[in-house]
Amino acid sequence: MKALRFNAELRMVRDAPLPRRAGEALVQVISAGICNTDLEIVKGYAGFQGTLGHEFVGRVAESPDASITGRRVVGEINAGCGECTRCRTGDARHCAGRTVLGIKGRDGAFAEFLSLPVRNLIRIPDGLSDEAAVFVEPFAAALQIIDQVSIGPGSNVAVIGDGKLAQLVVRAISHTGCRTLVLGKHEFKLALAARSGARTQLVNNLEATTGELLSEQADQVDVAIEASGSATGLPLALSLVRPRGTVVLKSTHHSPTELQMAAVVVNEITIVGSRCGRFGPAIDLLAGEGVDLSDLISARFPLDDGVAAFHKAGDPSSMKVIINVA
């Protein structure tokens, strides 16, 4: 089968074996999205080698559960061992022996087929388009913030960054009624964030001083969400959040982050790591009329042009790039 694989370099292959795993479903990939994690992997993040991709929609080709064969599905990307305490209590995302689709120990979605346990697959409504379904996994990750941190109509929230992840975060938290300030480097991306009711501030350098960034804001924020994909994002978030406020870390990147931790102690800041989220709420919102993410799609490429798709996705002018497979 055809697959976009990474092993020191990114290249298309046409002789990859079908990724059959005993007891799992084989899914024919329809479309898959490129995210910042994929871009960081080709820089060395996570040490992964193999087929990339974890944001996907597909159709079940083979399954131990015949009832889902032929159905369109998305998939929870973390596949736990199924036997440890965390898996038995429903927390396969933190199973020490887990594999992660296109990220850790498991070939991913930039291929004609992928394999996942049946329990990881979630059927999607007929009315949800393939392109909208590609956003289920990353939008669920954005919604995870609301499950972890109290954000409501009285909350002041800053989102650091204006890229793909930051845009999803802004749209996820907009449903809470909070006051949102988005800090970014690109005017057209900030304009996208403004569509969700956020105030925006253009900054030429994400290491700018707190005073410059808060020039139009009376107080420091209650919650600062780091979604820039940059090592400078966390120090900036810490400079913006009020004493006893919360910093949420959403982005992953290969480069190390230098940080003076004294302010965290003195100001009693809570730092929350936030990764994957529940698919159900994301599907419900995307299938309704309140969330349309189509304006975040910059380009679409066939799988044969997967390397070119990665180059496009890495361009600062791009948002979501989708690879159409089937």
Protein backbone atom coordinates (compact mmCIF):
# COMPACT_ATOMS: atom_id res chain seq x y z
CA MET A 1 0.00 0.00 0.00
CA LYS A 2 1.01 3.66 -0.31
CA ALA A 3 2.18 5.43 2.83
CA LEU A 4 4.00 8.60 3.88
CA ARG A 5 6.81 7.41 6.12
CA PHE A 6 9.51 9.06 8.18
CA ASN A 7 12.89 7.49 8.83
CA ALA A 8 15.49 10.29 9.04
CA GLU A 9 13.70 11.74 6.01
CA LEU A 10 10.08 12.00 4.91
CA ARG A 11 9.21 10.06 1.76
CA MET A 12 6.36 8.35 -0.04
CA VAL A 13 6.54 4.58 -0.38
CA ARG A 14 4.30 2.32 -2.41
CA ASP A 15 5.20 -1.04 -0.95
CA ALA A 16 4.32 -0.63 2.73
CA PRO A 17 2.68 -3.75 4.20
CA LEU A 18 -0.93 -3.64 5.35
CA PRO A 19 -0.83 -2.77 9.08
CA ARG A 20 -2.86 -5.73 10.29
CA ARG A 21 -2.72 -6.39 14.03
CA ALA A 22 -4.31 -9.41 15.68
CA GLY A 23 -7.72 -8.65 17.15
CA GLU A 24 -7.85 -5.12 15.70
CA ALA A 25 -9.87 -3.43 12.97
CA LEU A 26 -8.36 -2.50 9.62
CA VAL A 27 -9.51 0.97 8.55
CA GLN A 28 -9.32 2.37 5.04
CA VAL A 29 -8.28 6.00 5.45
CA ILE A 30 -10.44 8.58 3.67
CA SER A 31 -8.72 11.81 4.75
CA ALA A 32 -6.17 12.87 7.35
CA GLY A 33 -4.96 16.20 8.69
CA ILE A 34 -1.41 17.41 9.30
CA CYS A 35 -0.88 18.93 12.75
CA ASN A 36 2.04 20.61 14.48
CA THR A 37 2.95 17.37 16.25
CA ASP A 38 3.58 15.77 12.84
CA LEU A 39 5.77 18.71 11.88
CA GLU A 40 7.71 18.41 15.15
CA ILE A 41 8.22 14.65 14.68
CA VAL A 42 10.12 15.23 11.45
CA LYS A 43 12.36 17.59 13.46
CA GLY A 44 13.08 14.81 15.97
CA TYR A 45 10.27 15.07 18.53
CA ALA A 46 9.25 11.75 20.16
CA GLY A 47 11.90 9.75 18.26
CA PHE A 48 9.21 8.20 16.07
CA GLN A 49 9.93 6.35 12.84
CA GLY A 50 7.24 4.98 10.57
CA THR A 51 4.00 6.18 9.01
CA LEU A 52 2.93 9.55 10.39
CA GLY A 53 -0.57 10.93 10.97
CA HIS A 54 -3.20 10.70 13.71
CA GLU A 55 -6.06 13.03 12.71
CA PHE A 56 -8.22 10.94 10.37
CA VAL A 57 -11.57 9.76 9.15
CA GLY A 58 -11.87 6.35 7.55
CA ARG A 59 -14.11 3.42 6.74
CA VAL A 60 -13.79 0.08 8.51
CA ALA A 61 -12.59 -2.54 6.01
CA GLU A 62 -12.18 -5.49 8.38
CA SER A 63 -13.15 -5.90 12.02
CA PRO A 64 -13.64 -8.58 14.69
CA ASP A 65 -16.91 -6.70 15.34
CA ALA A 66 -18.85 -7.12 12.11
CA SER A 67 -21.39 -4.47 13.12
CA ILE A 68 -18.94 -1.64 12.32
CA THR A 69 -17.59 -3.04 9.05
CA GLY A 70 -18.25 -0.51 6.31
CA ARG A 71 -18.95 2.30 8.79
CA ARG A 72 -17.21 5.69 8.77
CA VAL A 73 -15.18 6.19 11.92
CA VAL A 74 -12.66 8.37 13.68
CA GLY A 75 -10.29 6.93 16.23
CA GLU A 76 -8.90 7.55 19.70
CA ILE A 77 -5.16 7.59 19.00
CA ASN A 78 -3.92 6.03 22.27
CA ALA A 79 -4.05 2.23 22.30
CA GLY A 80 -3.45 0.91 25.82
CA CYS A 81 -2.38 -2.58 26.79
CA GLY A 82 -5.87 -3.30 28.12
CA GLU A 83 -4.54 -5.07 31.21
CA CYS A 84 -2.85 -2.52 33.50
CA THR A 85 -4.62 -0.61 36.27
CA ARG A 86 -4.93 2.53 34.16
CA CYS A 87 -6.49 0.66 31.25
CA ARG A 88 -8.89 -1.22 33.53
CA THR A 89 -10.05 2.08 35.01
CA GLY A 90 -10.59 3.63 31.57
CA ASP A 91 -7.40 5.67 31.29
CA ALA A 92 -5.61 4.06 28.34
CA ARG A 93 -4.23 7.49 27.39
CA HIS A 94 -1.70 7.17 30.21
CA CYS A 95 -1.00 3.44 29.97
CA ALA A 96 2.76 2.98 30.32
CA GLY A 97 2.73 0.40 27.52
CA ARG A 98 0.46 2.29 25.13
CA THR A 99 1.10 2.84 21.48
CA VAL A 100 -0.02 6.09 19.87
CA LEU A 101 -1.18 6.31 16.28
CA GLY A 102 1.54 7.87 14.13
CA ILE A 103 3.46 9.03 17.21
CA LYS A 104 4.63 6.08 19.29
CA GLY A 105 5.04 2.45 18.26
CA ARG A 106 2.14 2.39 15.79
CA ASP A 107 1.97 3.34 12.11
CA GLY A 108 -0.39 6.20 11.44
CA ALA A 109 -2.99 7.66 9.10
CA PHE A 110 -0.98 9.01 6.16
CA ALA A 111 -1.48 5.70 4.40
CA GLU A 112 -4.19 3.78 2.59
CA PHE A 113 -4.93 1.72 5.70
CA LEU A 114 -4.36 1.85 9.46
CA SER A 115 -5.04 -0.50 12.35
CA LEU A 116 -6.67 0.28 15.71
CA PRO A 117 -8.47 -1.72 18.40
CA VAL A 118 -12.24 -1.76 17.90
CA ARG A 119 -12.69 -0.01 21.26
CA ASN A 120 -10.76 2.97 19.89
CA LEU A 121 -13.13 3.54 16.97
CA ILE A 122 -16.07 5.94 17.13
CA ARG A 123 -18.77 5.99 14.49
CA ILE A 124 -19.62 9.42 13.12
CA PRO A 125 -23.04 10.71 12.06
CA ASP A 126 -23.97 10.53 8.39
CA GLY A 127 -24.44 14.29 8.32
CA LEU A 128 -20.86 15.02 9.37
CA SER A 129 -18.65 15.57 6.32
CA ASP A 130 -15.31 13.82 5.92
CA GLU A 131 -13.42 17.10 6.24
CA ALA A 132 -15.27 18.06 9.42
CA ALA A 133 -14.58 14.58 10.84
CA VAL A 134 -10.83 15.09 10.36
CA PHE A 135 -11.08 17.81 13.02
CA VAL A 136 -12.67 15.54 15.67
CA GLU A 137 -9.37 14.49 17.30
CA PRO A 138 -7.74 17.95 17.47
CA PHE A 139 -10.99 19.68 18.45
CA ALA A 140 -11.47 17.12 21.23
CA ALA A 141 -7.97 17.99 22.43
CA ALA A 142 -8.93 21.66 22.52
CA LEU A 143 -12.14 20.91 24.44
CA GLN A 144 -10.11 18.95 26.99
CA ILE A 145 -9.10 22.29 28.54
CA ILE A 146 -12.69 22.88 29.64
CA ASP A 147 -12.72 19.48 31.37
CA GLN A 148 -9.52 20.30 33.25
CA VAL A 149 -9.82 23.99 34.15
CA SER A 150 -12.74 26.09 35.37
CA ILE A 151 -13.49 28.67 32.67
CA GLY A 152 -16.75 30.62 32.63
CA PRO A 153 -18.38 33.95 31.81
CA GLY A 154 -16.32 35.77 34.45
CA SER A 155 -12.96 34.38 33.32
CA ASN A 156 -10.21 36.36 31.60
CA VAL A 157 -8.28 34.00 29.31
CA ALA A 158 -5.22 34.59 27.15
CA VAL A 159 -4.35 32.23 24.29
CA ILE A 160 -0.68 32.34 23.28
CA GLY A 161 -0.34 31.64 19.56
CA ASP A 162 -2.56 32.00 16.49
CA GLY A 163 -1.92 28.76 14.58
CA LYS A 164 -4.01 25.65 14.02
CA LEU A 165 -4.13 24.53 17.64
CA ALA A 166 -4.70 28.01 19.01
CA GLN A 167 -7.62 28.54 16.61
CA LEU A 168 -9.28 25.35 17.83
CA VAL A 169 -8.71 26.37 21.45
CA VAL A 170 -10.33 29.76 20.85
CA ARG A 171 -13.39 28.13 19.32
CA ALA A 172 -13.59 25.54 22.08
CA ILE A 173 -13.52 28.05 24.94
CA SER A 174 -15.80 30.53 23.15
CA HIS A 175 -18.74 28.38 24.29
CA THR A 176 -17.95 29.17 27.94
CA GLY A 177 -18.66 32.88 27.58
CA CYS A 178 -15.19 33.85 28.84
CA ARG A 179 -13.32 36.98 27.76
CA THR A 180 -10.51 35.88 25.44
CA LEU A 181 -7.36 37.67 24.32
CA VAL A 182 -5.35 36.01 21.53
CA LEU A 183 -1.70 36.94 21.06
CA GLY A 184 -0.08 36.13 17.74
CA LYS A 185 2.28 37.15 14.97
CA HIS A 186 0.00 36.96 11.92
CA GLU A 187 -2.74 39.48 11.16
CA PHE A 188 -4.81 37.13 9.00
CA LYS A 189 -4.72 34.39 11.64
CA LEU A 190 -5.74 36.82 14.35
CA ALA A 191 -8.64 37.86 12.12
CA LEU A 192 -9.79 34.22 12.14
CA ALA A 193 -9.69 34.18 15.94
CA ALA A 194 -11.69 37.42 16.06
CA ARG A 195 -14.57 35.67 14.28
CA SER A 196 -15.17 33.74 17.49
CA GLY A 197 -15.45 36.94 19.51
CA ALA A 198 -11.87 37.04 20.81
CA ARG A 199 -9.91 40.23 21.23
CA THR A 200 -6.57 40.02 19.48
CA GLN A 201 -3.16 41.60 19.81
CA LEU A 202 -0.43 41.47 17.20
CA VAL A 203 3.02 40.95 18.67
CA ASN A 204 6.18 40.98 16.61
CA ASN A 205 8.01 38.91 19.20
CA LEU A 206 6.41 36.44 21.59
CA GLU A 207 9.09 37.42 24.12
CA ALA A 208 7.63 40.95 24.29
CA THR A 209 7.19 42.49 27.72
CA THR A 210 4.11 41.91 29.82
CA GLY A 211 3.37 45.62 29.82
CA GLU A 212 3.23 45.78 26.04
CA LEU A 213 0.97 42.75 25.80
CA LEU A 214 -1.41 43.97 28.50
CA SER A 215 -1.64 47.50 27.18
CA GLU A 216 -5.38 47.12 26.58
CA GLN A 217 -6.13 44.84 29.51
CA ALA A 218 -6.76 46.09 33.02
CA ASP A 219 -5.70 42.95 34.89
CA GLN A 220 -3.59 39.89 34.45
CA VAL A 221 -5.50 36.88 33.18
CA ASP A 222 -7.01 34.03 35.18
CA VAL A 223 -5.96 31.38 32.65
CA ALA A 224 -3.16 31.54 30.07
CA ILE A 225 -3.22 28.80 27.43
CA GLU A 226 0.10 28.11 25.68
CA ALA A 227 -0.69 26.96 22.14
CA SER A 228 2.11 28.61 20.18
CA GLY A 229 4.26 25.56 19.48
CA SER A 230 7.22 27.67 20.57
CA ALA A 231 9.66 27.43 23.47
CA THR A 232 8.91 31.09 24.23
CA GLY A 233 5.22 30.40 24.84
CA LEU A 234 5.43 29.13 28.42
CA PRO A 235 7.54 32.02 29.79
CA LEU A 236 5.12 34.44 28.15
CA ALA A 237 2.10 32.65 29.61
CA LEU A 238 3.64 32.82 33.08
CA SER A 239 4.20 36.54 32.69
CA LEU A 240 0.55 37.10 31.82
CA VAL A 241 -1.25 35.02 34.43
CA ARG A 242 -2.32 36.48 37.77
CA PRO A 243 -1.12 35.16 41.14
CA ARG A 244 -2.84 31.82 41.84
CA GLY A 245 -3.89 31.67 38.22
CA THR A 246 -3.51 28.72 35.85
CA VAL A 247 -1.28 28.09 32.87
CA VAL A 248 -2.40 25.36 30.46
CA LEU A 249 0.21 23.76 28.20
CA LYS A 250 -1.26 22.48 24.94
CA SER A 251 1.56 22.47 22.38
CA THR A 252 4.39 19.99 21.96
CA HIS A 253 7.70 20.90 20.36
CA HIS A 254 11.14 19.41 19.90
CA SER A 255 13.14 22.36 21.24
CA PRO A 256 13.74 22.68 25.02
CA THR A 257 12.12 25.41 27.11
CA GLU A 258 14.26 27.55 29.40
CA LEU A 259 12.34 28.73 32.43
CA GLN A 260 12.86 30.56 35.70
CA MET A 261 10.54 28.79 38.12
CA ALA A 262 10.74 31.24 41.02
CA ALA A 263 7.67 33.15 39.82
CA VAL A 264 5.66 29.91 39.76
CA VAL A 265 6.44 29.37 43.44
CA VAL A 266 6.07 32.98 44.58
CA ASN A 267 2.80 33.52 42.69
CA GLU A 268 1.50 29.99 43.40
CA ILE A 269 0.76 29.34 39.76
CA THR A 270 -0.89 26.08 38.71
CA ILE A 271 0.56 24.55 35.53
CA VAL A 272 -1.67 22.02 33.79
CA GLY A 273 -0.58 19.75 30.96
CA SER A 274 -3.40 19.09 28.49
CA ARG A 275 -3.32 16.49 25.74
CA CYS A 276 -6.13 14.37 24.28
CA GLY A 277 -9.84 14.88 24.91
CA ARG A 278 -13.18 13.10 24.72
CA PHE A 279 -14.48 12.59 21.17
CA GLY A 280 -18.19 12.66 22.03
CA PRO A 281 -18.49 16.39 22.80
CA ALA A 282 -16.34 17.26 19.77
CA ILE A 283 -18.54 15.20 17.44
CA ASP A 284 -21.72 16.72 18.91
CA LEU A 285 -20.47 20.28 18.37
CA LEU A 286 -19.14 19.61 14.87
CA ALA A 287 -22.33 17.83 13.84
CA GLY A 288 -24.44 20.74 15.10
CA GLU A 289 -24.66 24.20 13.63
CA GLY A 290 -22.52 26.06 16.17
CA VAL A 291 -19.03 25.09 14.97
CA ASP A 292 -17.76 25.33 11.40
CA LEU A 293 -14.02 24.77 11.02
CA SER A 294 -13.89 24.77 7.22
CA ASP A 295 -12.33 28.25 7.19
CA LEU A 296 -9.25 26.75 8.88
CA ILE A 297 -8.42 24.56 5.87
CA SER A 298 -5.59 26.05 3.80
CA ALA A 299 -5.00 23.28 1.26
CA ARG A 300 -5.84 19.75 0.22
CA PHE A 301 -3.37 17.29 -1.32
CA PRO A 302 -3.62 13.70 -2.60
CA LEU A 303 -1.56 11.13 -0.70
CA ASP A 304 0.87 10.90 -3.62
CA ASP A 305 1.83 14.52 -2.90
CA GLY A 306 2.23 13.96 0.83
CA VAL A 307 5.76 15.41 1.01
CA ALA A 308 4.56 18.59 -0.70
CA ALA A 309 1.64 18.68 1.75
CA PHE A 310 4.11 18.72 4.65
CA HIS A 311 6.03 21.60 3.09
CA LYS A 312 2.77 23.51 2.74
CA ALA A 313 1.75 22.72 6.34
CA GLY A 314 5.07 24.03 7.60
CA ASP A 315 4.63 27.38 5.87
CA PRO A 316 3.73 30.08 8.43
CA SER A 317 0.96 31.25 6.10
CA SER A 318 -0.83 27.88 6.31
CA MET A 319 -3.47 26.61 8.66
CA LYS A 320 -4.84 23.05 8.36
CA VAL A 321 -3.58 20.98 5.43
CA ILE A 322 -5.58 17.87 4.61
CA ILE A 323 -4.32 14.79 2.80
CA ASN A 324 -7.07 13.03 0.84
CA VAL A 325 -6.33 9.33 0.63
CA ALA A 326 -9.35 7.37 -0.60
